[in-house]
Amino acid sequence: MAEAIRPMQPDLLAGIESRGFLAAAPLALALGKGFVMVRKRGKLPGRTVSHAYALEYGEDVVEVQEGMIEPGQRVVLVDDLLATGGTASAAVTLLRKVGADVPGAAFIIELIGLGGRARLDVPTETVLQVEA
């Protein structure tokens, strides 16, 4: 994954709660970059910026800590699984809301056939593609 992310020239990697932290944090370390968390509402300390989004069965909210991302920083989104793409798409929107340039996203597994990749408007890398 590091080799797929390196050409995106990130300043930071953003991991989606919570398994995405397990992928993004060591990748950030390997690439010598910073790491930020994208979490569900109410789980981050201090002031946050949030984004509400629709799910197949309701609504949810993702947040990032205020001030963790400088406007214009290149932030690559990382998670373990790309399925329908709802949370990943919301995370990209949130990152842009705080001023990030999002050059791409990377996932360990993609469940093809669920349309997740089509919901993302950034280049998307995956290690393994599996039929859903």
C-alpha atoms as a PDB file:
ATOM      1  CA  MET A   1       0.000   0.000   0.000  1.00  0.00           C
ATOM      2  CA  ALA A   2       2.861   2.375   0.729  1.00  0.00           C
ATOM      3  CA  GLU A   3       4.076   2.089  -2.854  1.00  0.00           C
ATOM      4  CA  ALA A   4       0.563   2.816  -4.151  1.00  0.00           C
ATOM      5  CA  ILE A   5       0.213   5.857  -1.857  1.00  0.00           C
ATOM      6  CA  ARG A   6       3.698   7.347  -2.319  1.00  0.00           C
ATOM      7  CA  PRO A   7       2.994   8.757  -5.855  1.00  0.00           C
ATOM      8  CA  MET A   8      -0.010  10.645  -4.405  1.00  0.00           C
ATOM      9  CA  GLN A   9       2.550  12.721  -2.447  1.00  0.00           C
ATOM     10  CA  PRO A  10       0.528  13.009   0.774  1.00  0.00           C
ATOM     11  CA  ASP A  11       1.361  15.264   3.689  1.00  0.00           C
ATOM     12  CA  LEU A  12      -0.969  13.253   5.925  1.00  0.00           C
ATOM     13  CA  LEU A  13      -2.855   9.981   5.918  1.00  0.00           C
ATOM     14  CA  ALA A  14      -6.389   9.954   7.315  1.00  0.00           C
ATOM     15  CA  GLY A  15      -7.673   6.676   8.740  1.00  0.00           C
ATOM     16  CA  ILE A  16     -11.376   5.929   9.068  1.00  0.00           C
ATOM     17  CA  GLU A  17     -12.548   4.579  12.426  1.00  0.00           C
ATOM     18  CA  SER A  18     -11.407   2.199  13.593  1.00  0.00           C
ATOM     19  CA  ARG A  19      -9.794  -0.517  11.497  1.00  0.00           C
ATOM     20  CA  GLY A  20      -8.580   2.205   9.149  1.00  0.00           C
ATOM     21  CA  PHE A  21      -6.376   3.432  12.005  1.00  0.00           C
ATOM     22  CA  LEU A  22      -4.589   0.067  11.977  1.00  0.00           C
ATOM     23  CA  ALA A  23      -3.728   0.529   8.306  1.00  0.00           C
ATOM     24  CA  ALA A  24      -3.163   4.286   8.119  1.00  0.00           C
ATOM     25  CA  ALA A  25      -0.967   4.800  11.199  1.00  0.00           C
ATOM     26  CA  PRO A  26       1.801   2.330  10.249  1.00  0.00           C
ATOM     27  CA  LEU A  27       1.643   3.474   6.619  1.00  0.00           C
ATOM     28  CA  ALA A  28       2.090   7.074   7.756  1.00  0.00           C
ATOM     29  CA  LEU A  29       5.093   5.982   9.807  1.00  0.00           C
ATOM     30  CA  ALA A  30       6.579   4.046   6.870  1.00  0.00           C
ATOM     31  CA  LEU A  31       6.112   7.060   4.578  1.00  0.00           C
ATOM     32  CA  GLY A  32       7.342   9.584   7.154  1.00  0.00           C
ATOM     33  CA  LYS A  33       3.996  11.412   7.088  1.00  0.00           C
ATOM     34  CA  GLY A  34       1.460  12.541   9.669  1.00  0.00           C
ATOM     35  CA  PHE A  35      -1.711  10.713  10.648  1.00  0.00           C
ATOM     36  CA  VAL A  36      -5.208  11.991  11.458  1.00  0.00           C
ATOM     37  CA  MET A  37      -8.326  10.153  12.583  1.00  0.00           C
ATOM     38  CA  VAL A  38     -11.759  10.348  10.993  1.00  0.00           C
ATOM     39  CA  ARG A  39     -14.203   9.179  13.679  1.00  0.00           C
ATOM     40  CA  LYS A  40     -17.901   8.871  14.387  1.00  0.00           C
ATOM     41  CA  ARG A  41     -19.577  11.754  16.228  1.00  0.00           C
ATOM     42  CA  GLY A  42     -18.542  12.411  19.822  1.00  0.00           C
ATOM     43  CA  LYS A  43     -15.396  10.258  19.979  1.00  0.00           C
ATOM     44  CA  LEU A  44     -12.692  12.872  19.428  1.00  0.00           C
ATOM     45  CA  PRO A  45     -11.515  15.260  22.153  1.00  0.00           C
ATOM     46  CA  GLY A  46     -11.615  19.020  21.756  1.00  0.00           C
ATOM     47  CA  ARG A  47     -13.282  20.965  18.992  1.00  0.00           C
ATOM     48  CA  THR A  48     -14.241  19.059  15.864  1.00  0.00           C
ATOM     49  CA  VAL A  49     -15.540  19.642  12.367  1.00  0.00           C
ATOM     50  CA  SER A  50     -18.315  17.276  11.328  1.00  0.00           C
ATOM     51  CA  HIS A  51     -20.114  16.075   8.220  1.00  0.00           C
ATOM     52  CA  ALA A  52     -23.493  14.294   8.242  1.00  0.00           C
ATOM     53  CA  TYR A  53     -24.261  11.805   5.500  1.00  0.00           C
ATOM     54  CA  ALA A  54     -27.026   9.415   4.487  1.00  0.00           C
ATOM     55  CA  LEU A  55     -26.705   5.670   4.919  1.00  0.00           C
ATOM     56  CA  GLU A  56     -28.844   2.962   3.361  1.00  0.00           C
ATOM     57  CA  TYR A  57     -30.666   2.729   6.707  1.00  0.00           C
ATOM     58  CA  GLY A  58     -30.435   6.238   8.193  1.00  0.00           C
ATOM     59  CA  GLU A  59     -27.851   8.940   8.808  1.00  0.00           C
ATOM     60  CA  ASP A  60     -24.430   9.121  10.426  1.00  0.00           C
ATOM     61  CA  VAL A  61     -21.800  11.762  11.164  1.00  0.00           C
ATOM     62  CA  VAL A  62     -18.003  11.694  10.779  1.00  0.00           C
ATOM     63  CA  GLU A  63     -15.664  14.147  12.464  1.00  0.00           C
ATOM     64  CA  VAL A  64     -12.050  15.283  12.449  1.00  0.00           C
ATOM     65  CA  GLN A  65     -10.344  17.383  15.113  1.00  0.00           C
ATOM     66  CA  GLU A  66     -10.265  21.068  14.307  1.00  0.00           C
ATOM     67  CA  GLY A  67      -6.811  22.331  13.357  1.00  0.00           C
ATOM     68  CA  MET A  68      -5.308  18.923  12.586  1.00  0.00           C
ATOM     69  CA  ILE A  69      -5.273  19.607   8.836  1.00  0.00           C
ATOM     70  CA  GLU A  70      -3.869  22.808   7.370  1.00  0.00           C
ATOM     71  CA  PRO A  71      -5.688  24.197   4.315  1.00  0.00           C
ATOM     72  CA  GLY A  72      -4.014  22.895   1.169  1.00  0.00           C
ATOM     73  CA  GLN A  73      -2.384  19.858   2.792  1.00  0.00           C
ATOM     74  CA  ARG A  74      -2.527  16.707   0.695  1.00  0.00           C
ATOM     75  CA  VAL A  75      -4.421  14.054   2.653  1.00  0.00           C
ATOM     76  CA  VAL A  76      -4.841  10.470   1.415  1.00  0.00           C
ATOM     77  CA  LEU A  77      -7.770   8.556   2.881  1.00  0.00           C
ATOM     78  CA  VAL A  78      -6.993   5.014   4.127  1.00  0.00           C
ATOM     79  CA  ASP A  79      -9.300   2.250   5.342  1.00  0.00           C
ATOM     80  CA  ASP A  80      -9.406  -1.511   5.519  1.00  0.00           C
ATOM     81  CA  LEU A  81     -12.517  -2.080   3.391  1.00  0.00           C
ATOM     82  CA  LEU A  82     -14.279  -0.374   0.495  1.00  0.00           C
ATOM     83  CA  ALA A  83     -17.834  -1.674   0.219  1.00  0.00           C
ATOM     84  CA  THR A  84     -20.673   0.714  -0.717  1.00  0.00           C
ATOM     85  CA  GLY A  85     -18.413   3.748  -0.315  1.00  0.00           C
ATOM     86  CA  GLY A  86     -20.781   5.822   1.837  1.00  0.00           C
ATOM     87  CA  THR A  87     -18.438   6.428   4.756  1.00  0.00           C
ATOM     88  CA  ALA A  88     -15.402   6.853   2.517  1.00  0.00           C
ATOM     89  CA  SER A  89     -17.220   9.396   0.359  1.00  0.00           C
ATOM     90  CA  ALA A  90     -18.337  11.265   3.490  1.00  0.00           C
ATOM     91  CA  ALA A  91     -14.753  11.248   4.788  1.00  0.00           C
ATOM     92  CA  VAL A  92     -13.468  12.750   1.514  1.00  0.00           C
ATOM     93  CA  THR A  93     -16.144  15.464   1.762  1.00  0.00           C
ATOM     94  CA  LEU A  94     -15.172  16.157   5.390  1.00  0.00           C
ATOM     95  CA  LEU A  95     -11.472  16.382   4.536  1.00  0.00           C
ATOM     96  CA  ARG A  96     -12.250  18.879   1.795  1.00  0.00           C
ATOM     97  CA  LYS A  97     -14.491  20.818   4.186  1.00  0.00           C
ATOM     98  CA  VAL A  98     -11.453  21.509   6.393  1.00  0.00           C
ATOM     99  CA  GLY A  99      -9.388  22.587   3.379  1.00  0.00           C
ATOM    100  CA  ALA A 100      -7.541  19.393   2.473  1.00  0.00           C
ATOM    101  CA  ASP A 101      -6.539  18.473  -1.045  1.00  0.00           C
ATOM    102  CA  VAL A 102      -7.475  14.770  -1.343  1.00  0.00           C
ATOM    103  CA  PRO A 103      -5.337  13.236  -4.110  1.00  0.00           C
ATOM    104  CA  GLY A 104      -6.589   9.682  -3.544  1.00  0.00           C
ATOM    105  CA  ALA A 105      -7.761   6.883  -1.315  1.00  0.00           C
ATOM    106  CA  ALA A 106      -6.352   3.442  -0.525  1.00  0.00           C
ATOM    107  CA  PHE A 107      -8.034   0.342   0.882  1.00  0.00           C
ATOM    108  CA  ILE A 108      -6.825  -3.120   1.756  1.00  0.00           C
ATOM    109  CA  ILE A 109      -9.927  -4.902   0.394  1.00  0.00           C
ATOM    110  CA  GLU A 110     -12.531  -3.789  -2.128  1.00  0.00           C
ATOM    111  CA  LEU A 111     -15.835  -5.629  -2.395  1.00  0.00           C
ATOM    112  CA  ILE A 112     -16.443  -5.179  -6.099  1.00  0.00           C
ATOM    113  CA  GLY A 113     -20.016  -5.126  -7.238  1.00  0.00           C
ATOM    114  CA  LEU A 114     -21.195  -2.898  -4.366  1.00  0.00           C
ATOM    115  CA  GLY A 115     -20.361   0.334  -6.194  1.00  0.00           C
ATOM    116  CA  GLY A 116     -18.048   1.881  -3.630  1.00  0.00           C
ATOM    117  CA  ARG A 117     -15.388   2.952  -6.101  1.00  0.00           C
ATOM    118  CA  ALA A 118     -17.995   4.773  -8.210  1.00  0.00           C
ATOM    119  CA  ARG A 119     -19.008   6.897  -5.188  1.00  0.00           C
ATOM    120  CA  LEU A 120     -15.467   8.214  -4.770  1.00  0.00           C
ATOM    121  CA  ASP A 121     -14.320  11.068  -6.971  1.00  0.00           C
ATOM    122  CA  VAL A 122     -10.625  10.471  -6.237  1.00  0.00           C
ATOM    123  CA  PRO A 123      -8.188   7.895  -7.609  1.00  0.00           C
ATOM    124  CA  THR A 124      -8.617   4.725  -5.571  1.00  0.00           C
ATOM    125  CA  GLU A 125      -6.070   1.988  -4.905  1.00  0.00           C
ATOM    126  CA  THR A 126      -6.834  -1.422  -3.405  1.00  0.00           C
ATOM    127  CA  VAL A 127      -4.632  -4.375  -2.519  1.00  0.00           C
ATOM    128  CA  LEU A 128      -7.261  -7.082  -2.989  1.00  0.00           C
ATOM    129  CA  GLN A 129     -10.541  -7.121  -4.904  1.00  0.00           C
ATOM    130  CA  VAL A 130     -13.191  -9.646  -3.911  1.00  0.00           C
ATOM    131  CA  GLU A 131     -16.591 -10.340  -5.470  1.00  0.00           C
ATOM    132  CA  ALA A 132     -19.382  -9.244  -3.130  1.00  0.00           C
END
